[in-house]
Amino acid sequence: MKKNTTKKRAVVVKANKPPVFQTSADLRTALLIVSLILNVFVFCIWLTLQLTSQYDAALYDFFIFR
């Protein structure tokens, strides 16, 4: 008679390693951060110019120099 034997199956678990080369994702993230900083800077300048009339003469002299 044959013996009923059960074989243990080897379970292979792959480690979730991050990809080494993420150049395109890193570049996209860096560009988004730089764009966000520039947009916040321009927004703050625009908001300052809308709220005060203190800098109007200086801007007029800067852009229209005769």
PDB file of N, CA and C in Angstrom:
ATOM      1  N   MET A   1       0.817  -1.172   0.000  1.00  0.00           N
ATOM      2  CA  MET A   1       0.000   0.000   0.000  1.00  0.00           C
ATOM      3  C   MET A   1       0.865   1.241   0.000  1.00  0.00           C
ATOM      4  N   LYS A   2       0.334   2.247  -0.663  1.00  0.00           N
ATOM      5  CA  LYS A   2       1.055   3.507  -0.706  1.00  0.00           C
ATOM      6  C   LYS A   2       0.627   4.370   0.462  1.00  0.00           C
ATOM      7  N   LYS A   3       1.609   5.062   0.974  1.00  0.00           N
ATOM      8  CA  LYS A   3       1.323   5.976   2.068  1.00  0.00           C
ATOM      9  C   LYS A   3       0.817   7.294   1.511  1.00  0.00           C
ATOM     10  N   ASN A   4      -0.155   7.833   2.161  1.00  0.00           N
ATOM     11  CA  ASN A   4      -0.628   9.164   1.773  1.00  0.00           C
ATOM     12  C   ASN A   4       0.289  10.202   2.419  1.00  0.00           C
ATOM     13  N   THR A   5       1.158  10.759   1.627  1.00  0.00           N
ATOM     14  CA  THR A   5       2.056  11.793   2.140  1.00  0.00           C
ATOM     15  C   THR A   5       1.705  13.122   1.494  1.00  0.00           C
ATOM     16  N   THR A   6       1.791  14.099   2.289  1.00  0.00           N
ATOM     17  CA  THR A   6       1.532  15.439   1.755  1.00  0.00           C
ATOM     18  C   THR A   6       2.855  16.173   1.671  1.00  0.00           C
ATOM     19  N   LYS A   7       3.082  16.792   0.556  1.00  0.00           N
ATOM     20  CA  LYS A   7       4.308  17.552   0.369  1.00  0.00           C
ATOM     21  C   LYS A   7       4.035  19.002   0.722  1.00  0.00           C
ATOM     22  N   LYS A   8       4.979  19.578   1.402  1.00  0.00           N
ATOM     23  CA  LYS A   8       4.862  20.994   1.722  1.00  0.00           C
ATOM     24  C   LYS A   8       5.270  21.808   0.505  1.00  0.00           C
ATOM     25  N   ARG A   9       4.448  22.769   0.202  1.00  0.00           N
ATOM     26  CA  ARG A   9       4.755  23.628  -0.933  1.00  0.00           C
ATOM     27  C   ARG A   9       5.580  24.813  -0.451  1.00  0.00           C
ATOM     28  N   ALA A  10       6.580  25.102  -1.200  1.00  0.00           N
ATOM     29  CA  ALA A  10       7.434  26.242  -0.864  1.00  0.00           C
ATOM     30  C   ALA A  10       6.732  27.525  -1.323  1.00  0.00           C
ATOM     31  N   VAL A  11       6.579  28.433  -0.414  1.00  0.00           N
ATOM     32  CA  VAL A  11       5.947  29.704  -0.720  1.00  0.00           C
ATOM     33  C   VAL A  11       7.045  30.726  -0.927  1.00  0.00           C
ATOM     34  N   VAL A  12       7.066  31.281  -2.116  1.00  0.00           N
ATOM     35  CA  VAL A  12       8.085  32.269  -2.436  1.00  0.00           C
ATOM     36  C   VAL A  12       7.449  33.645  -2.297  1.00  0.00           C
ATOM     37  N   VAL A  13       8.021  34.433  -1.401  1.00  0.00           N
ATOM     38  CA  VAL A  13       7.518  35.784  -1.178  1.00  0.00           C
ATOM     39  C   VAL A  13       8.573  36.754  -1.673  1.00  0.00           C
ATOM     40  N   LYS A  14       8.179  37.579  -2.614  1.00  0.00           N
ATOM     41  CA  LYS A  14       9.109  38.571  -3.138  1.00  0.00           C
ATOM     42  C   LYS A  14       9.036  39.823  -2.280  1.00  0.00           C
ATOM     43  N   ALA A  15      10.183  40.341  -1.961  1.00  0.00           N
ATOM     44  CA  ALA A  15      10.232  41.568  -1.167  1.00  0.00           C
ATOM     45  C   ALA A  15       9.842  42.753  -2.045  1.00  0.00           C
ATOM     46  N   ASN A  16       9.089  43.649  -1.481  1.00  0.00           N
ATOM     47  CA  ASN A  16       8.683  44.837  -2.224  1.00  0.00           C
ATOM     48  C   ASN A  16       9.806  45.866  -2.163  1.00  0.00           C
ATOM     49  N   LYS A  17      10.694  45.781  -3.098  1.00  0.00           N
ATOM     50  CA  LYS A  17      11.809  46.713  -3.148  1.00  0.00           C
ATOM     51  C   LYS A  17      11.424  47.893  -4.037  1.00  0.00           C
ATOM     52  N   PRO A  18      11.775  49.101  -3.620  1.00  0.00           N
ATOM     53  CA  PRO A  18      11.481  50.238  -4.489  1.00  0.00           C
ATOM     54  C   PRO A  18      12.387  50.205  -5.711  1.00  0.00           C
ATOM     55  N   PRO A  19      11.883  50.674  -6.835  1.00  0.00           N
ATOM     56  CA  PRO A  19      12.718  50.686  -8.034  1.00  0.00           C
ATOM     57  C   PRO A  19      13.906  51.631  -7.854  1.00  0.00           C
ATOM     58  N   VAL A  20      15.012  51.225  -8.400  1.00  0.00           N
ATOM     59  CA  VAL A  20      16.239  51.989  -8.222  1.00  0.00           C
ATOM     60  C   VAL A  20      16.211  53.258  -9.069  1.00  0.00           C
ATOM     61  N   PHE A  21      15.754  53.151 -10.288  1.00  0.00           N
ATOM     62  CA  PHE A  21      15.766  54.284 -11.206  1.00  0.00           C
ATOM     63  C   PHE A  21      14.365  54.865 -11.338  1.00  0.00           C
ATOM     64  N   GLN A  22      14.125  55.976 -10.685  1.00  0.00           N
ATOM     65  CA  GLN A  22      12.844  56.666 -10.774  1.00  0.00           C
ATOM     66  C   GLN A  22      13.063  58.065 -11.320  1.00  0.00           C
ATOM     67  N   THR A  23      13.889  58.179 -12.318  1.00  0.00           N
ATOM     68  CA  THR A  23      14.304  59.492 -12.799  1.00  0.00           C
ATOM     69  C   THR A  23      13.124  60.311 -13.302  1.00  0.00           C
ATOM     70  N   SER A  24      12.251  59.713 -14.070  1.00  0.00           N
ATOM     71  CA  SER A  24      11.142  60.484 -14.633  1.00  0.00           C
ATOM     72  C   SER A  24      10.167  60.927 -13.542  1.00  0.00           C
ATOM     73  N   ALA A  25       9.898  60.081 -12.586  1.00  0.00           N
ATOM     74  CA  ALA A  25       8.994  60.459 -11.496  1.00  0.00           C
ATOM     75  C   ALA A  25       9.626  61.525 -10.616  1.00  0.00           C
ATOM     76  N   ASP A  26      10.927  61.402 -10.353  1.00  0.00           N
ATOM     77  CA  ASP A  26      11.615  62.406  -9.542  1.00  0.00           C
ATOM     78  C   ASP A  26      11.664  63.752 -10.257  1.00  0.00           C
ATOM     79  N   LEU A  27      11.907  63.730 -11.552  1.00  0.00           N
ATOM     80  CA  LEU A  27      11.952  64.965 -12.327  1.00  0.00           C
ATOM     81  C   LEU A  27      10.586  65.638 -12.346  1.00  0.00           C
ATOM     82  N   ARG A  28       9.534  64.862 -12.524  1.00  0.00           N
ATOM     83  CA  ARG A  28       8.188  65.406 -12.535  1.00  0.00           C
ATOM     84  C   ARG A  28       7.837  66.029 -11.179  1.00  0.00           C
ATOM     85  N   THR A  29       8.209  65.355 -10.113  1.00  0.00           N
ATOM     86  CA  THR A  29       7.945  65.876  -8.775  1.00  0.00           C
ATOM     87  C   THR A  29       8.720  67.162  -8.519  1.00  0.00           C
ATOM     88  N   ALA A  30       9.978  67.211  -8.949  1.00  0.00           N
ATOM     89  CA  ALA A  30      10.790  68.410  -8.762  1.00  0.00           C
ATOM     90  C   ALA A  30      10.215  69.588  -9.543  1.00  0.00           C
ATOM     91  N   LEU A  31       9.778  69.342 -10.763  1.00  0.00           N
ATOM     92  CA  LEU A  31       9.191  70.416 -11.565  1.00  0.00           C
ATOM     93  C   LEU A  31       7.883  70.922 -10.960  1.00  0.00           C
ATOM     94  N   LEU A  32       7.096  70.032 -10.407  1.00  0.00           N
ATOM     95  CA  LEU A  32       5.852  70.449  -9.766  1.00  0.00           C
ATOM     96  C   LEU A  32       6.124  71.294  -8.525  1.00  0.00           C
ATOM     97  N   ILE A  33       7.144  70.927  -7.763  1.00  0.00           N
ATOM     98  CA  ILE A  33       7.483  71.700  -6.567  1.00  0.00           C
ATOM     99  C   ILE A  33       7.987  73.082  -6.938  1.00  0.00           C
ATOM    100  N   VAL A  34       8.861  73.159  -7.950  1.00  0.00           N
ATOM    101  CA  VAL A  34       9.374  74.460  -8.393  1.00  0.00           C
ATOM    102  C   VAL A  34       8.247  75.316  -8.941  1.00  0.00           C
ATOM    103  N   SER A  35       7.358  74.725  -9.710  1.00  0.00           N
ATOM    104  CA  SER A  35       6.219  75.454 -10.255  1.00  0.00           C
ATOM    105  C   SER A  35       5.315  75.968  -9.141  1.00  0.00           C
ATOM    106  N   LEU A  36       5.080  75.165  -8.132  1.00  0.00           N
ATOM    107  CA  LEU A  36       4.242  75.577  -7.015  1.00  0.00           C
ATOM    108  C   LEU A  36       4.864  76.750  -6.263  1.00  0.00           C
ATOM    109  N   ILE A  37       6.168  76.688  -6.035  1.00  0.00           N
ATOM    110  CA  ILE A  37       6.849  77.781  -5.324  1.00  0.00           C
ATOM    111  C   ILE A  37       6.774  79.074  -6.132  1.00  0.00           C
ATOM    112  N   LEU A  38       7.010  78.992  -7.441  1.00  0.00           N
ATOM    113  CA  LEU A  38       6.931  80.187  -8.278  1.00  0.00           C
ATOM    114  C   LEU A  38       5.517  80.758  -8.320  1.00  0.00           C
ATOM    115  N   ASN A  39       4.530  79.893  -8.394  1.00  0.00           N
ATOM    116  CA  ASN A  39       3.146  80.366  -8.419  1.00  0.00           C
ATOM    117  C   ASN A  39       2.755  81.045  -7.112  1.00  0.00           C
ATOM    118  N   VAL A  40       3.192  80.508  -5.984  1.00  0.00           N
ATOM    119  CA  VAL A  40       2.904  81.137  -4.693  1.00  0.00           C
ATOM    120  C   VAL A  40       3.602  82.492  -4.605  1.00  0.00           C
ATOM    121  N   PHE A  41       4.837  82.582  -5.106  1.00  0.00           N
ATOM    122  CA  PHE A  41       5.578  83.841  -5.103  1.00  0.00           C
ATOM    123  C   PHE A  41       4.865  84.896  -5.945  1.00  0.00           C
ATOM    124  N   VAL A  42       4.467  84.535  -7.152  1.00  0.00           N
ATOM    125  CA  VAL A  42       3.761  85.482  -8.027  1.00  0.00           C
ATOM    126  C   VAL A  42       2.421  85.877  -7.420  1.00  0.00           C
ATOM    127  N   PHE A  43       1.730  84.934  -6.817  1.00  0.00           N
ATOM    128  CA  PHE A  43       0.455  85.247  -6.177  1.00  0.00           C
ATOM    129  C   PHE A  43       0.636  86.244  -5.034  1.00  0.00           C
ATOM    130  N   CYS A  44       1.678  86.064  -4.233  1.00  0.00           N
ATOM    131  CA  CYS A  44       1.930  86.992  -3.123  1.00  0.00           C
ATOM    132  C   CYS A  44       2.250  88.392  -3.641  1.00  0.00           C
ATOM    133  N   ILE A  45       3.025  88.475  -4.713  1.00  0.00           N
ATOM    134  CA  ILE A  45       3.317  89.786  -5.306  1.00  0.00           C
ATOM    135  C   ILE A  45       2.038  90.426  -5.843  1.00  0.00           C
ATOM    136  N   TRP A  46       1.241  89.650  -6.553  1.00  0.00           N
ATOM    137  CA  TRP A  46      -0.012  90.181  -7.102  1.00  0.00           C
ATOM    138  C   TRP A  46      -0.940  90.648  -5.979  1.00  0.00           C
ATOM    139  N   LEU A  47      -1.039  89.865  -4.911  1.00  0.00           N
ATOM    140  CA  LEU A  47      -1.900  90.222  -3.794  1.00  0.00           C
ATOM    141  C   LEU A  47      -1.419  91.506  -3.116  1.00  0.00           C
ATOM    142  N   THR A  48      -0.111  91.649  -2.965  1.00  0.00           N
ATOM    143  CA  THR A  48       0.446  92.863  -2.375  1.00  0.00           C
ATOM    144  C   THR A  48       0.131  94.077  -3.238  1.00  0.00           C
ATOM    145  N   LEU A  49       0.257  93.928  -4.540  1.00  0.00           N
ATOM    146  CA  LEU A  49      -0.024  95.045  -5.441  1.00  0.00           C
ATOM    147  C   LEU A  49      -1.507  95.403  -5.463  1.00  0.00           C
ATOM    148  N   GLN A  50      -2.363  94.432  -5.249  1.00  0.00           N
ATOM    149  CA  GLN A  50      -3.799  94.710  -5.239  1.00  0.00           C
ATOM    150  C   GLN A  50      -4.226  95.397  -3.942  1.00  0.00           C
ATOM    151  N   LEU A  51      -3.556  95.083  -2.853  1.00  0.00           N
ATOM    152  CA  LEU A  51      -3.974  95.615  -1.560  1.00  0.00           C
ATOM    153  C   LEU A  51      -3.372  96.982  -1.235  1.00  0.00           C
ATOM    154  N   THR A  52      -2.224  97.297  -1.824  1.00  0.00           N
ATOM    155  CA  THR A  52      -1.587  98.574  -1.508  1.00  0.00           C
ATOM    156  C   THR A  52      -1.326  99.357  -2.787  1.00  0.00           C
ATOM    157  N   SER A  53      -1.300 100.661  -2.664  1.00  0.00           N
ATOM    158  CA  SER A  53      -0.936 101.504  -3.805  1.00  0.00           C
ATOM    159  C   SER A  53       0.442 102.112  -3.585  1.00  0.00           C
ATOM    160  N   GLN A  54       1.158 101.594  -2.635  1.00  0.00           N
ATOM    161  CA  GLN A  54       2.466 102.135  -2.266  1.00  0.00           C
ATOM    162  C   GLN A  54       3.513 101.902  -3.359  1.00  0.00           C
ATOM    163  N   TYR A  55       3.399 100.794  -4.105  1.00  0.00           N
ATOM    164  CA  TYR A  55       4.427 100.437  -5.063  1.00  0.00           C
ATOM    165  C   TYR A  55       4.080 100.827  -6.498  1.00  0.00           C
ATOM    166  N   ASP A  56       2.980 101.509  -6.706  1.00  0.00           N
ATOM    167  CA  ASP A  56       2.558 101.854  -8.066  1.00  0.00           C
ATOM    168  C   ASP A  56       3.567 102.743  -8.773  1.00  0.00           C
ATOM    169  N   ALA A  57       4.079 103.748  -8.119  1.00  0.00           N
ATOM    170  CA  ALA A  57       5.029 104.669  -8.750  1.00  0.00           C
ATOM    171  C   ALA A  57       6.338 103.949  -9.080  1.00  0.00           C
ATOM    172  N   ALA A  58       6.790 103.092  -8.210  1.00  0.00           N
ATOM    173  CA  ALA A  58       8.031 102.356  -8.464  1.00  0.00           C
ATOM    174  C   ALA A  58       7.871 101.410  -9.647  1.00  0.00           C
ATOM    175  N   LEU A  59       6.723 100.752  -9.744  1.00  0.00           N
ATOM    176  CA  LEU A  59       6.484  99.864 -10.881  1.00  0.00           C
ATOM    177  C   LEU A  59       6.351 100.647 -12.179  1.00  0.00           C
ATOM    178  N   TYR A  60       5.709 101.782 -12.118  1.00  0.00           N
ATOM    179  CA  TYR A  60       5.569 102.628 -13.306  1.00  0.00           C
ATOM    180  C   TYR A  60       6.952 103.059 -13.798  1.00  0.00           C
ATOM    181  N   ASP A  61       7.818 103.471 -12.895  1.00  0.00           N
ATOM    182  CA  ASP A  61       9.170 103.874 -13.282  1.00  0.00           C
ATOM    183  C   ASP A  61       9.994 102.693 -13.790  1.00  0.00           C
ATOM    184  N   PHE A  62       9.751 101.497 -13.259  1.00  0.00           N
ATOM    185  CA  PHE A  62      10.505 100.324 -13.673  1.00  0.00           C
ATOM    186  C   PHE A  62      10.113  99.872 -15.079  1.00  0.00           C
ATOM    187  N   PHE A  63       8.821  99.845 -15.368  1.00  0.00           N
ATOM    188  CA  PHE A  63       8.361  99.333 -16.655  1.00  0.00           C
ATOM    189  C   PHE A  63       8.364 100.386 -17.756  1.00  0.00           C
ATOM    190  N   ILE A  64       8.144 101.646 -17.417  1.00  0.00           N
ATOM    191  CA  ILE A  64       8.127 102.713 -18.416  1.00  0.00           C
ATOM    192  C   ILE A  64       9.220 103.706 -18.044  1.00  0.00           C
ATOM    193  N   PHE A  65      10.414 103.424 -18.505  1.00  0.00           N
ATOM    194  CA  PHE A  65      11.539 104.293 -18.208  1.00  0.00           C
ATOM    195  C   PHE A  65      11.834 105.158 -19.440  1.00  0.00           C
ATOM    196  N   ARG A  66      11.686 106.461 -19.270  1.00  0.00           N
ATOM    197  CA  ARG A  66      11.929 107.398 -20.377  1.00  0.00           C
ATOM    198  C   ARG A  66      12.947 108.402 -19.966  1.00  0.00           C
TER     199      ARG A  66
END
